[in-house]
Amino acid sequence: MYMQNYICPLVYYDYYRNNERYDNDLQTVKEAIANIKGGVLAPNISGTVIFTDVGNGTEVFVEVNGLPEYSPASQNKPQIGPFGFHIHQNGNCSVGDEKEPFPDTGEHWNPTNQPHGNHAGDFPVLFSNNGYAKMIFFTNKFTVGQIIGKSVIIHESPDDYRTQPSGNSGRKLACGVIERMYM
């Protein structure tokens, strides 16, 4: 039984060394995935973010279902949608509570200490159509290998790309940890 579950290290190494999703010399990750799950404020959110290294940058593909319906800001309530969308420092999607959802994700990922709007982890907002959003974009601010272990967050309000330090995009609705994609 023990030998049936054993993978020869040489075979394992050769597979990943020659796999097109890895650089043959550096063994760097070329694709990553984050499986998005809603928290206490929007438990029906689910989706996927796929990161792929391409020439001179990274392609980001997003597909999400279950986003809340748009609601303009009112007296004591924030605007709901379009949705702020960012990479955060820590890959910990502990749900938390209504006051502080996903409290352990940290701030927006900002490895070069840029003002908000220029953080490496600042993404375009997500626009929902009946709870569904799909988007693909390119960024040259990071490679896939640099974001493994961080989190992707969907916020309740749009990012204004000005307010420091995080764009005034409201509470965190959904989270996913960025992991290596093995195919």
N, C-alpha and C. Protein backbone atom coordinates (compact mmCIF):
# COMPACT_ATOMS: atom_id res chain seq x y z
N MET A 1 0.83 -1.20 0.00
CA MET A 1 0.00 0.00 0.00
C MET A 1 0.87 1.26 0.00
N TYR A 2 1.92 1.27 0.77
CA TYR A 2 2.80 2.42 0.85
C TYR A 2 3.38 2.77 -0.52
N MET A 3 3.85 1.80 -1.26
CA MET A 3 4.49 2.05 -2.56
C MET A 3 3.48 2.52 -3.61
N GLN A 4 2.21 2.17 -3.48
CA GLN A 4 1.22 2.60 -4.46
C GLN A 4 1.03 4.12 -4.42
N ASN A 5 1.20 4.73 -3.27
CA ASN A 5 1.01 6.17 -3.13
C ASN A 5 2.30 6.95 -3.23
N TYR A 6 3.38 6.29 -3.49
CA TYR A 6 4.68 6.94 -3.54
C TYR A 6 4.96 7.43 -4.96
N ILE A 7 5.38 8.68 -5.10
CA ILE A 7 5.76 9.23 -6.40
C ILE A 7 7.27 9.38 -6.40
N CYS A 8 7.90 8.79 -7.37
CA CYS A 8 9.35 8.89 -7.49
C CYS A 8 9.74 10.36 -7.63
N PRO A 9 10.61 10.90 -6.78
CA PRO A 9 10.99 12.31 -6.85
C PRO A 9 11.52 12.73 -8.22
N LEU A 10 12.25 11.86 -8.91
CA LEU A 10 12.79 12.21 -10.21
C LEU A 10 11.67 12.41 -11.24
N VAL A 11 10.67 11.54 -11.21
CA VAL A 11 9.54 11.69 -12.13
C VAL A 11 8.79 12.99 -11.82
N TYR A 12 8.54 13.25 -10.55
CA TYR A 12 7.85 14.46 -10.12
C TYR A 12 8.63 15.69 -10.58
N TYR A 13 9.92 15.70 -10.36
CA TYR A 13 10.77 16.83 -10.75
C TYR A 13 10.74 17.03 -12.26
N ASP A 14 10.90 15.96 -13.02
CA ASP A 14 10.91 16.07 -14.48
C ASP A 14 9.57 16.58 -15.01
N TYR A 15 8.46 16.14 -14.40
CA TYR A 15 7.15 16.61 -14.86
C TYR A 15 7.05 18.12 -14.71
N TYR A 16 7.35 18.64 -13.53
CA TYR A 16 7.21 20.06 -13.30
C TYR A 16 8.31 20.87 -13.95
N ARG A 17 9.48 20.30 -14.14
CA ARG A 17 10.55 21.00 -14.83
C ARG A 17 10.17 21.21 -16.29
N ASN A 18 9.52 20.24 -16.90
CA ASN A 18 9.20 20.32 -18.31
C ASN A 18 7.78 20.83 -18.58
N ASN A 19 7.00 21.02 -17.54
CA ASN A 19 5.63 21.50 -17.72
C ASN A 19 5.68 22.93 -18.24
N GLU A 20 4.88 23.25 -19.25
CA GLU A 20 4.92 24.57 -19.87
C GLU A 20 4.52 25.69 -18.91
N ARG A 21 3.90 25.37 -17.79
CA ARG A 21 3.50 26.41 -16.84
C ARG A 21 4.62 26.78 -15.88
N TYR A 22 5.79 26.24 -16.08
CA TYR A 22 6.93 26.53 -15.23
C TYR A 22 8.13 26.87 -16.08
N ASP A 23 8.91 27.82 -15.63
CA ASP A 23 10.16 28.15 -16.30
C ASP A 23 11.13 27.00 -16.07
N ASN A 24 11.75 26.48 -17.12
CA ASN A 24 12.61 25.30 -17.01
C ASN A 24 13.82 25.52 -16.12
N ASP A 25 14.34 26.72 -16.05
CA ASP A 25 15.53 26.97 -15.24
C ASP A 25 15.20 27.37 -13.81
N LEU A 26 14.22 28.22 -13.62
CA LEU A 26 13.94 28.79 -12.31
C LEU A 26 12.80 28.13 -11.57
N GLN A 27 12.07 27.25 -12.22
CA GLN A 27 10.92 26.59 -11.60
C GLN A 27 9.92 27.60 -11.06
N THR A 28 9.75 28.72 -11.74
CA THR A 28 8.81 29.74 -11.27
C THR A 28 7.40 29.42 -11.75
N VAL A 29 6.46 29.78 -10.94
CA VAL A 29 5.06 29.53 -11.24
C VAL A 29 4.61 30.42 -12.39
N LYS A 30 3.86 29.86 -13.32
CA LYS A 30 3.34 30.62 -14.46
C LYS A 30 1.83 30.82 -14.40
N GLU A 31 1.13 30.02 -13.59
CA GLU A 31 -0.32 30.18 -13.44
C GLU A 31 -0.71 30.00 -11.97
N ALA A 32 -1.72 30.77 -11.57
CA ALA A 32 -2.25 30.65 -10.21
C ALA A 32 -3.76 30.82 -10.26
N ILE A 33 -4.41 30.37 -9.19
CA ILE A 33 -5.87 30.45 -9.11
C ILE A 33 -6.28 30.87 -7.70
N ALA A 34 -7.36 31.62 -7.62
CA ALA A 34 -8.00 31.93 -6.34
C ALA A 34 -9.47 31.56 -6.48
N ASN A 35 -9.94 30.70 -5.61
CA ASN A 35 -11.35 30.33 -5.57
C ASN A 35 -12.04 31.27 -4.59
N ILE A 36 -12.92 32.10 -5.12
CA ILE A 36 -13.57 33.15 -4.35
C ILE A 36 -14.81 32.60 -3.64
N LYS A 37 -14.93 32.94 -2.35
CA LYS A 37 -16.11 32.55 -1.57
C LYS A 37 -16.59 33.76 -0.78
N GLY A 38 -17.91 33.92 -0.74
CA GLY A 38 -18.50 35.02 0.00
C GLY A 38 -18.41 34.81 1.50
N GLY A 39 -18.45 35.92 2.23
CA GLY A 39 -18.42 35.89 3.68
C GLY A 39 -19.80 36.18 4.26
N VAL A 40 -19.83 36.69 5.48
CA VAL A 40 -21.09 36.90 6.20
C VAL A 40 -21.99 37.93 5.53
N LEU A 41 -21.43 38.90 4.82
CA LEU A 41 -22.24 39.94 4.19
C LEU A 41 -22.82 39.52 2.84
N ALA A 42 -22.19 38.55 2.19
CA ALA A 42 -22.65 38.11 0.86
C ALA A 42 -22.28 36.64 0.67
N PRO A 43 -22.93 35.74 1.40
CA PRO A 43 -22.53 34.33 1.38
C PRO A 43 -22.74 33.62 0.05
N ASN A 44 -23.52 34.20 -0.86
CA ASN A 44 -23.79 33.54 -2.14
C ASN A 44 -22.73 33.79 -3.20
N ILE A 45 -21.76 34.64 -2.90
CA ILE A 45 -20.71 34.91 -3.89
C ILE A 45 -19.82 33.69 -4.04
N SER A 46 -19.54 33.34 -5.28
CA SER A 46 -18.55 32.30 -5.58
C SER A 46 -17.94 32.62 -6.93
N GLY A 47 -16.72 32.20 -7.12
CA GLY A 47 -16.09 32.47 -8.40
C GLY A 47 -14.63 32.07 -8.43
N THR A 48 -13.98 32.47 -9.51
CA THR A 48 -12.60 32.09 -9.75
C THR A 48 -11.84 33.27 -10.33
N VAL A 49 -10.60 33.42 -9.90
CA VAL A 49 -9.67 34.36 -10.51
C VAL A 49 -8.47 33.54 -10.95
N ILE A 50 -8.10 33.66 -12.23
CA ILE A 50 -6.94 32.94 -12.76
C ILE A 50 -5.91 33.96 -13.21
N PHE A 51 -4.68 33.76 -12.76
CA PHE A 51 -3.55 34.62 -13.11
C PHE A 51 -2.62 33.83 -14.01
N THR A 52 -2.23 34.41 -15.15
CA THR A 52 -1.34 33.74 -16.09
C THR A 52 -0.23 34.69 -16.52
N ASP A 53 1.03 34.28 -16.34
CA ASP A 53 2.13 35.08 -16.86
C ASP A 53 2.09 35.05 -18.38
N VAL A 54 2.16 36.23 -18.98
CA VAL A 54 2.22 36.38 -20.43
C VAL A 54 3.36 37.36 -20.72
N GLY A 55 3.64 37.63 -21.97
CA GLY A 55 4.74 38.52 -22.30
C GLY A 55 4.69 39.83 -21.55
N ASN A 56 5.70 40.10 -20.77
CA ASN A 56 5.88 41.37 -20.04
C ASN A 56 4.82 41.68 -19.00
N GLY A 57 4.14 40.68 -18.47
CA GLY A 57 3.16 40.95 -17.42
C GLY A 57 2.29 39.76 -17.12
N THR A 58 1.13 40.04 -16.57
CA THR A 58 0.21 39.01 -16.11
C THR A 58 -1.20 39.29 -16.62
N GLU A 59 -1.85 38.24 -17.11
CA GLU A 59 -3.24 38.32 -17.52
C GLU A 59 -4.09 37.84 -16.34
N VAL A 60 -5.13 38.59 -16.03
CA VAL A 60 -6.02 38.25 -14.92
C VAL A 60 -7.42 38.02 -15.48
N PHE A 61 -7.96 36.82 -15.23
CA PHE A 61 -9.30 36.45 -15.68
C PHE A 61 -10.16 36.25 -14.44
N VAL A 62 -11.32 36.89 -14.40
CA VAL A 62 -12.22 36.84 -13.25
C VAL A 62 -13.61 36.41 -13.71
N GLU A 63 -14.22 35.49 -12.96
CA GLU A 63 -15.61 35.12 -13.19
C GLU A 63 -16.25 34.89 -11.83
N VAL A 64 -17.31 35.66 -11.54
CA VAL A 64 -17.93 35.63 -10.22
C VAL A 64 -19.45 35.61 -10.36
N ASN A 65 -20.12 34.83 -9.50
CA ASN A 65 -21.58 34.77 -9.40
C ASN A 65 -22.01 35.17 -8.00
N GLY A 66 -23.26 35.56 -7.86
CA GLY A 66 -23.84 35.81 -6.54
C GLY A 66 -23.54 37.18 -5.97
N LEU A 67 -23.08 38.12 -6.79
CA LEU A 67 -22.82 39.47 -6.30
C LEU A 67 -24.13 40.15 -5.93
N PRO A 68 -24.13 40.97 -4.87
CA PRO A 68 -25.36 41.66 -4.48
C PRO A 68 -25.83 42.64 -5.56
N GLU A 69 -27.11 42.92 -5.54
CA GLU A 69 -27.70 43.88 -6.48
C GLU A 69 -27.19 45.28 -6.17
N TYR A 70 -27.00 46.09 -7.21
CA TYR A 70 -26.56 47.47 -7.04
C TYR A 70 -27.54 48.24 -6.16
N SER A 71 -26.99 49.07 -5.29
CA SER A 71 -27.80 49.92 -4.44
C SER A 71 -27.05 51.23 -4.21
N PRO A 72 -27.63 52.37 -4.57
CA PRO A 72 -26.92 53.64 -4.36
C PRO A 72 -26.77 53.93 -2.87
N ALA A 73 -25.81 54.77 -2.55
CA ALA A 73 -25.61 55.16 -1.15
C ALA A 73 -26.84 55.89 -0.65
N SER A 74 -27.20 55.64 0.60
CA SER A 74 -28.31 56.36 1.23
C SER A 74 -27.84 56.82 2.60
N GLN A 75 -28.71 57.40 3.38
CA GLN A 75 -28.36 58.05 4.65
C GLN A 75 -27.20 57.39 5.40
N ASN A 76 -27.41 56.19 5.89
CA ASN A 76 -26.37 55.53 6.68
C ASN A 76 -25.83 54.28 6.02
N LYS A 77 -26.15 54.09 4.76
CA LYS A 77 -25.73 52.87 4.08
C LYS A 77 -24.80 53.21 2.92
N PRO A 78 -23.74 52.41 2.76
CA PRO A 78 -22.81 52.67 1.65
C PRO A 78 -23.39 52.20 0.32
N GLN A 79 -22.83 52.70 -0.74
CA GLN A 79 -23.18 52.22 -2.08
C GLN A 79 -22.76 50.76 -2.19
N ILE A 80 -23.60 49.95 -2.81
CA ILE A 80 -23.27 48.54 -3.08
C ILE A 80 -23.09 48.41 -4.59
N GLY A 81 -21.87 48.09 -5.02
CA GLY A 81 -21.53 47.93 -6.42
C GLY A 81 -21.31 49.26 -7.11
N PRO A 82 -20.63 49.27 -8.24
CA PRO A 82 -19.69 48.25 -8.69
C PRO A 82 -18.69 47.94 -7.57
N PHE A 83 -18.02 46.84 -7.68
CA PHE A 83 -17.29 46.26 -6.56
C PHE A 83 -15.79 46.46 -6.67
N GLY A 84 -15.21 47.05 -5.59
CA GLY A 84 -13.76 47.16 -5.52
C GLY A 84 -13.15 45.76 -5.53
N PHE A 85 -11.98 45.64 -6.13
CA PHE A 85 -11.36 44.34 -6.38
C PHE A 85 -9.86 44.51 -6.26
N HIS A 86 -9.25 43.77 -5.31
CA HIS A 86 -7.83 43.97 -5.03
C HIS A 86 -7.13 42.69 -4.60
N ILE A 87 -5.80 42.72 -4.68
CA ILE A 87 -4.97 41.73 -3.98
C ILE A 87 -4.64 42.32 -2.63
N HIS A 88 -4.79 41.52 -1.58
CA HIS A 88 -4.40 41.93 -0.23
C HIS A 88 -3.17 41.15 0.21
N GLN A 89 -2.49 41.68 1.23
CA GLN A 89 -1.19 41.17 1.66
C GLN A 89 -1.18 39.72 2.11
N ASN A 90 -2.19 39.31 2.86
CA ASN A 90 -2.16 38.01 3.52
C ASN A 90 -3.18 37.04 2.92
N GLY A 91 -2.77 35.80 2.80
CA GLY A 91 -3.64 34.76 2.26
C GLY A 91 -4.41 34.05 3.35
N ASN A 92 -5.14 34.80 4.16
CA ASN A 92 -5.93 34.22 5.23
C ASN A 92 -7.38 34.69 5.07
N CYS A 93 -8.24 33.80 4.63
CA CYS A 93 -9.64 34.16 4.38
C CYS A 93 -10.56 33.75 5.53
N SER A 94 -10.08 33.87 6.77
CA SER A 94 -10.95 33.65 7.92
C SER A 94 -12.10 34.64 7.82
N VAL A 95 -13.33 34.16 7.94
CA VAL A 95 -14.51 34.95 7.60
C VAL A 95 -14.71 36.19 8.47
N GLY A 96 -14.53 36.11 9.76
CA GLY A 96 -14.78 37.26 10.62
C GLY A 96 -16.26 37.48 10.86
N ASP A 97 -16.66 38.75 11.08
CA ASP A 97 -18.06 39.07 11.36
C ASP A 97 -18.51 40.25 10.50
N GLU A 98 -19.75 40.71 10.71
CA GLU A 98 -20.30 41.79 9.88
C GLU A 98 -19.53 43.09 10.02
N LYS A 99 -19.02 43.37 11.22
CA LYS A 99 -18.26 44.60 11.42
C LYS A 99 -16.90 44.56 10.72
N GLU A 100 -16.27 43.40 10.78
CA GLU A 100 -14.95 43.26 10.16
C GLU A 100 -14.84 41.92 9.43
N PRO A 101 -15.39 41.85 8.23
CA PRO A 101 -15.28 40.61 7.46
C PRO A 101 -13.85 40.40 6.96
N PHE A 102 -13.42 39.17 6.94
CA PHE A 102 -12.08 38.79 6.48
C PHE A 102 -11.01 39.70 7.10
N PRO A 103 -10.92 39.71 8.43
CA PRO A 103 -10.03 40.66 9.11
C PRO A 103 -8.54 40.38 8.95
N ASP A 104 -8.17 39.19 8.54
CA ASP A 104 -6.76 38.81 8.52
C ASP A 104 -6.10 38.92 7.15
N THR A 105 -6.77 39.55 6.19
CA THR A 105 -6.19 39.67 4.85
C THR A 105 -5.17 40.80 4.74
N GLY A 106 -5.15 41.68 5.72
CA GLY A 106 -4.22 42.80 5.68
C GLY A 106 -4.68 43.88 4.70
N GLU A 107 -3.76 44.79 4.42
CA GLU A 107 -4.04 45.91 3.52
C GLU A 107 -3.86 45.48 2.06
N HIS A 108 -4.15 46.40 1.15
CA HIS A 108 -3.88 46.15 -0.27
C HIS A 108 -2.40 45.84 -0.42
N TRP A 109 -2.10 44.88 -1.28
CA TRP A 109 -0.71 44.51 -1.53
C TRP A 109 -0.03 45.67 -2.26
N ASN A 110 1.05 46.16 -1.70
CA ASN A 110 1.72 47.36 -2.20
C ASN A 110 3.23 47.22 -2.00
N PRO A 111 3.88 46.32 -2.75
CA PRO A 111 5.29 46.04 -2.52
C PRO A 111 6.24 47.20 -2.82
N THR A 112 5.81 48.18 -3.59
CA THR A 112 6.69 49.30 -3.93
C THR A 112 6.30 50.60 -3.23
N ASN A 113 5.43 50.50 -2.22
CA ASN A 113 5.03 51.66 -1.41
C ASN A 113 4.52 52.84 -2.25
N GLN A 114 3.62 52.55 -3.16
CA GLN A 114 3.01 53.58 -4.01
C GLN A 114 1.75 54.13 -3.34
N PRO A 115 1.34 55.35 -3.69
CA PRO A 115 0.06 55.85 -3.18
C PRO A 115 -1.08 55.03 -3.78
N HIS A 116 -2.22 55.03 -3.10
CA HIS A 116 -3.34 54.24 -3.59
C HIS A 116 -3.75 54.69 -4.99
N GLY A 117 -4.12 53.68 -5.76
CA GLY A 117 -4.41 53.87 -7.17
C GLY A 117 -3.28 53.29 -8.01
N ASN A 118 -2.10 53.23 -7.41
CA ASN A 118 -0.93 52.67 -8.09
C ASN A 118 -0.37 51.44 -7.38
N HIS A 119 -1.07 50.92 -6.38
CA HIS A 119 -0.63 49.68 -5.73
C HIS A 119 -0.59 48.57 -6.77
N ALA A 120 0.34 47.66 -6.62
CA ALA A 120 0.39 46.51 -7.53
C ALA A 120 -0.90 45.70 -7.43
N GLY A 121 -1.55 45.72 -6.28
CA GLY A 121 -2.77 44.94 -6.08
C GLY A 121 -4.06 45.67 -6.39
N ASP A 122 -4.00 46.88 -6.93
CA ASP A 122 -5.21 47.63 -7.30
C ASP A 122 -5.68 47.19 -8.68
N PHE A 123 -6.92 46.72 -8.74
CA PHE A 123 -7.50 46.21 -9.98
C PHE A 123 -8.69 47.06 -10.40
N PRO A 124 -9.16 46.90 -11.64
CA PRO A 124 -10.40 47.57 -12.05
C PRO A 124 -11.58 47.06 -11.22
N VAL A 125 -12.63 47.88 -11.10
CA VAL A 125 -13.81 47.45 -10.36
C VAL A 125 -14.56 46.39 -11.15
N LEU A 126 -15.33 45.57 -10.42
CA LEU A 126 -16.18 44.55 -11.04
C LEU A 126 -17.58 45.11 -11.23
N PHE A 127 -18.08 45.03 -12.45
CA PHE A 127 -19.46 45.43 -12.75
C PHE A 127 -20.31 44.17 -12.82
N SER A 128 -21.42 44.18 -12.11
CA SER A 128 -22.29 43.01 -12.04
C SER A 128 -23.50 43.17 -12.96
N ASN A 129 -23.89 42.08 -13.58
CA ASN A 129 -25.13 42.02 -14.36
C ASN A 129 -25.94 40.87 -13.77
N ASN A 130 -26.97 41.21 -13.00
CA ASN A 130 -27.79 40.20 -12.32
C ASN A 130 -26.93 39.28 -11.46
N GLY A 131 -25.96 39.86 -10.77
CA GLY A 131 -25.11 39.09 -9.85
C GLY A 131 -23.91 38.42 -10.49
N TYR A 132 -23.76 38.56 -11.79
CA TYR A 132 -22.66 37.90 -12.52
C TYR A 132 -21.67 38.94 -13.04
N ALA A 133 -20.40 38.65 -12.90
CA ALA A 133 -19.35 39.52 -13.45
C ALA A 133 -18.28 38.66 -14.09
N LYS A 134 -17.80 39.12 -15.23
CA LYS A 134 -16.71 38.45 -15.93
C LYS A 134 -15.82 39.54 -16.49
N MET A 135 -14.50 39.38 -16.29
CA MET A 135 -13.58 40.41 -16.73
C MET A 135 -12.22 39.77 -17.00
N ILE A 136 -11.51 40.32 -17.96
CA ILE A 136 -10.14 39.92 -18.21
C ILE A 136 -9.34 41.19 -18.44
N PHE A 137 -8.16 41.27 -17.83
CA PHE A 137 -7.32 42.45 -18.02
C PHE A 137 -5.86 42.06 -17.88
N PHE A 138 -5.00 42.97 -18.26
CA PHE A 138 -3.55 42.77 -18.23
C PHE A 138 -2.94 43.76 -17.25
N THR A 139 -1.93 43.31 -16.50
CA THR A 139 -1.16 44.20 -15.65
C THR A 139 0.32 43.87 -15.79
N ASN A 140 1.14 44.89 -15.72
CA ASN A 140 2.59 44.67 -15.74
C ASN A 140 3.21 44.97 -14.38
N LYS A 141 2.38 44.98 -13.33
CA LYS A 141 2.86 45.34 -11.99
C LYS A 141 3.37 44.16 -11.18
N PHE A 142 3.17 42.93 -11.64
CA PHE A 142 3.67 41.76 -10.91
C PHE A 142 3.71 40.55 -11.83
N THR A 143 4.42 39.52 -11.35
CA THR A 143 4.39 38.21 -11.99
C THR A 143 3.59 37.28 -11.09
N VAL A 144 3.17 36.18 -11.63
CA VAL A 144 2.37 35.22 -10.86
C VAL A 144 3.13 34.75 -9.62
N GLY A 145 4.41 34.46 -9.77
CA GLY A 145 5.20 33.98 -8.63
C GLY A 145 5.21 34.93 -7.45
N GLN A 146 5.03 36.22 -7.68
CA GLN A 146 5.07 37.21 -6.61
C GLN A 146 3.80 37.25 -5.77
N ILE A 147 2.71 36.68 -6.26
CA ILE A 147 1.43 36.82 -5.55
C ILE A 147 0.94 35.54 -4.89
N ILE A 148 1.67 34.45 -5.05
CA ILE A 148 1.26 33.19 -4.42
C ILE A 148 1.18 33.41 -2.91
N GLY A 149 0.09 32.96 -2.30
CA GLY A 149 -0.08 33.07 -0.86
C GLY A 149 -0.75 34.35 -0.41
N LYS A 150 -1.08 35.24 -1.32
CA LYS A 150 -1.80 36.45 -0.98
C LYS A 150 -3.30 36.19 -1.19
N SER A 151 -4.13 37.18 -0.96
CA SER A 151 -5.57 36.97 -1.14
C SER A 151 -6.14 37.96 -2.15
N VAL A 152 -7.24 37.56 -2.75
CA VAL A 152 -8.03 38.43 -3.63
C VAL A 152 -9.30 38.77 -2.86
N ILE A 153 -9.64 40.05 -2.83
CA ILE A 153 -10.81 40.51 -2.09
C ILE A 153 -11.76 41.25 -3.03
N ILE A 154 -13.06 40.99 -2.86
CA ILE A 154 -14.11 41.78 -3.50
C ILE A 154 -14.75 42.62 -2.40
N HIS A 155 -14.77 43.94 -2.60
CA HIS A 155 -15.34 44.89 -1.64
C HIS A 155 -16.76 45.27 -2.04
N GLU A 156 -17.51 45.84 -1.10
CA GLU A 156 -18.91 46.18 -1.34
C GLU A 156 -19.11 47.41 -2.22
N SER A 157 -18.15 48.30 -2.28
CA SER A 157 -18.31 49.57 -3.00
C SER A 157 -17.19 49.74 -4.02
N PRO A 158 -17.37 50.66 -4.96
CA PRO A 158 -16.31 50.87 -5.94
C PRO A 158 -15.10 51.55 -5.31
N ASP A 159 -13.96 51.28 -5.86
CA ASP A 159 -12.72 51.92 -5.45
C ASP A 159 -12.65 53.28 -6.12
N ASP A 160 -12.31 54.33 -5.35
CA ASP A 160 -12.20 55.66 -5.97
C ASP A 160 -10.78 55.94 -6.47
N TYR A 161 -9.85 55.05 -6.20
CA TYR A 161 -8.45 55.14 -6.65
C TYR A 161 -7.74 56.39 -6.16
N ARG A 162 -8.30 57.07 -5.15
CA ARG A 162 -7.68 58.28 -4.61
C ARG A 162 -7.52 58.22 -3.11
N THR A 163 -8.58 57.87 -2.39
CA THR A 163 -8.56 57.89 -0.93
C THR A 163 -7.45 56.98 -0.42
N GLN A 164 -6.64 57.52 0.49
CA GLN A 164 -5.51 56.77 1.04
C GLN A 164 -5.93 56.13 2.37
N PRO A 165 -5.49 54.93 2.68
CA PRO A 165 -4.57 54.15 1.86
C PRO A 165 -5.26 53.13 0.97
N SER A 166 -6.62 53.04 1.00
CA SER A 166 -7.22 51.88 0.32
C SER A 166 -8.43 52.18 -0.57
N GLY A 167 -8.66 53.40 -0.96
CA GLY A 167 -9.66 53.68 -1.98
C GLY A 167 -11.10 53.74 -1.54
N ASN A 168 -11.37 53.69 -0.23
CA ASN A 168 -12.73 53.85 0.28
C ASN A 168 -13.72 52.88 -0.37
N SER A 169 -13.30 51.63 -0.54
CA SER A 169 -14.15 50.66 -1.24
C SER A 169 -15.01 49.82 -0.30
N GLY A 170 -15.01 50.15 0.97
CA GLY A 170 -15.95 49.51 1.88
C GLY A 170 -15.53 48.15 2.39
N ARG A 171 -16.51 47.50 3.01
CA ARG A 171 -16.25 46.21 3.66
C ARG A 171 -15.97 45.11 2.64
N LYS A 172 -15.33 44.07 3.12
CA LYS A 172 -14.95 42.93 2.28
C LYS A 172 -16.11 41.95 2.17
N LEU A 173 -16.52 41.66 0.95
CA LEU A 173 -17.64 40.74 0.71
C LEU A 173 -17.19 39.31 0.47
N ALA A 174 -16.05 39.14 -0.20
CA ALA A 174 -15.62 37.80 -0.60
C ALA A 174 -14.10 37.75 -0.64
N CYS A 175 -13.58 36.53 -0.52
CA CYS A 175 -12.13 36.34 -0.42
C CYS A 175 -11.72 35.03 -1.09
N GLY A 176 -10.51 35.01 -1.62
CA GLY A 176 -9.92 33.78 -2.14
C GLY A 176 -8.42 33.85 -2.00
N VAL A 177 -7.80 32.76 -1.59
CA VAL A 177 -6.34 32.69 -1.45
C VAL A 177 -5.74 32.32 -2.81
N ILE A 178 -4.70 33.03 -3.21
CA ILE A 178 -4.03 32.78 -4.48
C ILE A 178 -3.07 31.62 -4.31
N GLU A 179 -3.29 30.56 -5.10
CA GLU A 179 -2.49 29.34 -4.99
C GLU A 179 -1.94 28.95 -6.35
N ARG A 180 -0.86 28.18 -6.33
CA ARG A 180 -0.30 27.65 -7.57
C ARG A 180 -1.36 26.83 -8.28
N MET A 181 -1.35 26.91 -9.60
CA MET A 181 -2.27 26.10 -10.38
C MET A 181 -1.49 24.93 -10.96
N TYR A 182 -1.88 23.74 -10.57
CA TYR A 182 -1.25 22.52 -11.09
C TYR A 182 -2.20 21.90 -12.09
N MET A 183 -1.72 21.63 -13.27
CA MET A 183 -2.56 21.03 -14.30
C MET A 183 -1.96 19.72 -14.72
